[in-house]
Amino acid sequence: MNWLPYENFYINTSLMPDAAQAVLEREIEPVAKIIWFNIPRSASRYFTGSNSGYSFRLRSQFSYGNAFQPLINVDIVPNISGSRINIKMRLPIILIIFLCLWMSIMGYTCIGFLVKQAGEVTDANFFGPLGMALFVYFIAMSGFKFASFRVKNKLSQLFPGDIEKA
């Protein structure tokens, strides 16, 4: 199991690169940008994003609000038997920065209580920040894994073939 909010896998499919690109382009809705918000125009397609040749930058369009939706980078590479679709999913940079900042503050607080209490860790002052850090980690990982599981299933439906871990 991957302990970080990151997925990297390949799908080997018999589709030629042009056909694979066409299949993915049919599922992408361009993003309408309004000042700071990326608002999808319709929910008729599964992804929002853009492409440049055989490279795609996507986000899934879920009908619910999930702050931990992965950013999806898809690269289609020609292969002997068709094409190999390289898929990488990660959290947005702003969330990674927030999680690192949150974990470092909670870790610093826990270390401060350990040093202050000289080995006595039975106080709730130590377990409070530790519990908060673990709770935020659990929420981030479960939100990311749930969304990445749905994206992985959708991509495996679009591209029939073998899935390999990178």
Protein backbone atom coordinates (compact mmCIF):
# COMPACT_ATOMS: atom_id res chain seq x y z
CA MET A 1 0.00 0.00 0.00
CA ASN A 2 1.15 3.47 -0.83
CA TRP A 3 1.26 5.65 2.31
CA LEU A 4 1.36 8.93 0.39
CA PRO A 5 -1.42 10.49 -1.71
CA TYR A 6 0.19 9.49 -5.00
CA GLU A 7 -0.68 6.87 -7.63
CA ASN A 8 1.45 5.84 -10.60
CA PHE A 9 0.40 3.02 -12.92
CA TYR A 10 0.26 1.96 -16.56
CA ILE A 11 -2.44 0.50 -18.76
CA ASN A 12 -1.23 -1.56 -21.72
CA THR A 13 -3.98 -1.51 -24.32
CA SER A 14 -4.38 -2.71 -27.88
CA LEU A 15 -5.69 0.70 -28.98
CA MET A 16 -3.38 2.67 -31.23
CA PRO A 17 -2.23 6.04 -29.79
CA ASP A 18 -4.58 8.07 -32.01
CA ALA A 19 -7.55 5.91 -31.03
CA ALA A 20 -6.62 6.12 -27.33
CA GLN A 21 -6.35 9.90 -27.63
CA ALA A 22 -9.78 10.08 -29.27
CA VAL A 23 -11.33 7.90 -26.54
CA LEU A 24 -9.95 10.14 -23.80
CA GLU A 25 -10.85 13.37 -25.60
CA ARG A 26 -14.51 12.27 -25.72
CA GLU A 27 -14.52 12.15 -21.90
CA ILE A 28 -12.93 15.58 -21.33
CA GLU A 29 -14.85 18.81 -20.80
CA PRO A 30 -12.78 22.01 -21.18
CA VAL A 31 -12.57 24.06 -18.01
CA ALA A 32 -14.35 27.42 -17.96
CA LYS A 33 -12.18 29.73 -15.89
CA ILE A 34 -13.87 32.45 -13.89
CA ILE A 35 -11.37 34.52 -11.90
CA TRP A 36 -10.08 32.02 -9.26
CA PHE A 37 -12.51 29.18 -9.78
CA ASN A 38 -12.44 26.34 -12.29
CA ILE A 39 -16.11 25.71 -12.93
CA PRO A 40 -17.04 22.79 -15.19
CA ARG A 41 -19.63 23.62 -17.82
CA SER A 42 -21.56 20.38 -17.62
CA ALA A 43 -21.45 17.08 -15.83
CA SER A 44 -22.02 15.07 -19.01
CA ARG A 45 -18.34 14.13 -19.24
CA TYR A 46 -16.25 12.45 -16.57
CA PHE A 47 -13.14 14.66 -16.68
CA THR A 48 -12.26 18.33 -17.02
CA GLY A 49 -8.91 19.43 -18.30
CA SER A 50 -6.77 19.95 -21.33
CA ASN A 51 -4.50 18.06 -23.64
CA SER A 52 -1.44 18.71 -25.72
CA GLY A 53 -0.92 15.93 -28.22
CA TYR A 54 -0.70 12.66 -26.34
CA SER A 55 -0.39 14.35 -22.91
CA PHE A 56 -3.41 15.20 -20.75
CA ARG A 57 -3.86 17.15 -17.50
CA LEU A 58 -7.19 16.16 -15.96
CA ARG A 59 -9.43 16.38 -12.93
CA SER A 60 -12.51 14.28 -12.40
CA GLN A 61 -15.95 15.90 -12.29
CA PHE A 62 -17.61 14.40 -9.25
CA SER A 63 -21.07 15.48 -8.20
CA TYR A 64 -19.86 16.00 -4.64
CA GLY A 65 -17.24 18.28 -3.19
CA ASN A 66 -13.99 16.45 -2.47
CA ALA A 67 -11.05 18.71 -1.74
CA PHE A 68 -8.69 15.75 -2.08
CA GLN A 69 -9.48 14.96 -5.73
CA PRO A 70 -6.34 13.95 -7.56
CA LEU A 71 -4.75 15.85 -10.39
CA ILE A 72 -4.31 13.32 -13.18
CA ASN A 73 -1.48 13.37 -15.71
CA VAL A 74 -2.00 10.96 -18.59
CA ASP A 75 0.63 10.27 -21.24
CA ILE A 76 -0.06 7.99 -24.20
CA VAL A 77 3.06 6.26 -25.45
CA PRO A 78 3.15 4.12 -28.61
CA ASN A 79 3.86 0.48 -27.92
CA ILE A 80 4.47 -2.59 -30.09
CA SER A 81 1.02 -4.01 -29.43
CA GLY A 82 -0.87 -0.70 -29.34
CA SER A 83 -0.18 1.90 -26.69
CA ARG A 84 0.84 2.26 -23.09
CA ILE A 85 -1.10 4.79 -21.04
CA ASN A 86 1.02 6.25 -18.21
CA ILE A 87 -1.17 7.62 -15.41
CA LYS A 88 0.05 9.65 -12.44
CA MET A 89 -2.30 11.01 -9.78
CA ARG A 90 -1.36 13.36 -6.96
CA LEU A 91 -2.86 16.02 -4.73
CA PRO A 92 -2.80 19.68 -5.79
CA ILE A 93 0.31 21.55 -4.63
CA ILE A 94 -1.63 23.85 -2.30
CA LEU A 95 -2.99 20.82 -0.41
CA ILE A 96 0.44 19.24 -0.19
CA ILE A 97 1.82 22.48 1.29
CA PHE A 98 -1.08 22.70 3.75
CA LEU A 99 -0.68 19.07 4.86
CA CYS A 100 3.08 19.45 5.31
CA LEU A 101 2.57 22.62 7.33
CA TRP A 102 -0.15 21.00 9.46
CA MET A 103 1.91 17.87 10.12
CA SER A 104 5.02 19.87 10.99
CA ILE A 105 3.10 22.04 13.47
CA MET A 106 1.53 18.98 15.10
CA GLY A 107 4.89 17.15 15.13
CA TYR A 108 6.64 20.16 16.68
CA THR A 109 3.91 20.35 19.35
CA CYS A 110 4.24 16.63 20.15
CA ILE A 111 8.03 16.89 20.42
CA GLY A 112 7.64 19.95 22.65
CA PHE A 113 5.38 18.00 25.01
CA LEU A 114 7.78 15.05 25.03
CA VAL A 115 10.73 17.26 25.94
CA LYS A 116 8.70 19.16 28.53
CA GLN A 117 7.41 16.05 30.26
CA ALA A 118 10.77 14.19 30.14
CA GLY A 119 9.37 10.83 29.13
CA GLU A 120 5.87 10.94 30.62
CA VAL A 121 3.56 10.64 27.61
CA THR A 122 0.40 9.83 29.52
CA ASP A 123 -0.83 13.42 29.42
CA ALA A 124 -3.62 14.32 27.00
CA ASN A 125 -1.58 17.31 25.86
CA PHE A 126 0.65 14.93 23.90
CA PHE A 127 -2.08 12.73 22.45
CA GLY A 128 -4.27 15.66 21.36
CA PRO A 129 -1.88 16.96 18.65
CA LEU A 130 -0.90 13.42 17.71
CA GLY A 131 -4.56 12.47 17.28
CA MET A 132 -5.22 15.62 15.23
CA ALA A 133 -2.29 14.85 12.93
CA LEU A 134 -3.43 11.24 12.44
CA PHE A 135 -7.01 12.36 11.83
CA VAL A 136 -5.98 14.86 9.12
CA TYR A 137 -3.75 12.19 7.52
CA PHE A 138 -6.64 9.69 7.55
CA ILE A 139 -9.08 12.20 6.03
CA ALA A 140 -6.60 13.21 3.29
CA MET A 141 -5.69 9.63 2.41
CA SER A 142 -9.25 8.31 2.45
CA GLY A 143 -10.53 11.21 0.30
CA PHE A 144 -7.67 10.80 -2.17
CA LYS A 145 -7.85 7.00 -2.34
CA PHE A 146 -11.63 7.02 -2.81
CA ALA A 147 -11.39 9.48 -5.70
CA SER A 148 -8.36 7.77 -7.26
CA PHE A 149 -10.13 4.39 -7.05
CA ARG A 150 -13.07 5.80 -9.03
CA VAL A 151 -10.74 7.39 -11.59
CA LYS A 152 -8.77 4.16 -11.97
CA ASN A 153 -11.99 2.22 -12.60
CA LYS A 154 -13.14 4.75 -15.20
CA LEU A 155 -9.79 4.68 -17.01
CA SER A 156 -9.76 0.88 -17.01
CA GLN A 157 -13.23 0.98 -18.60
CA LEU A 158 -12.05 3.43 -21.25
CA PHE A 159 -8.86 1.52 -22.02
CA PRO A 160 -9.33 -2.25 -21.85
CA GLY A 161 -6.02 -3.88 -21.08
CA ASP A 162 -3.55 -4.87 -18.40
CA ILE A 163 -2.92 -2.56 -15.45
CA GLU A 164 0.64 -2.47 -14.09
CA LYS A 165 2.08 -0.67 -11.09
CA ALA A 166 4.97 1.64 -11.92
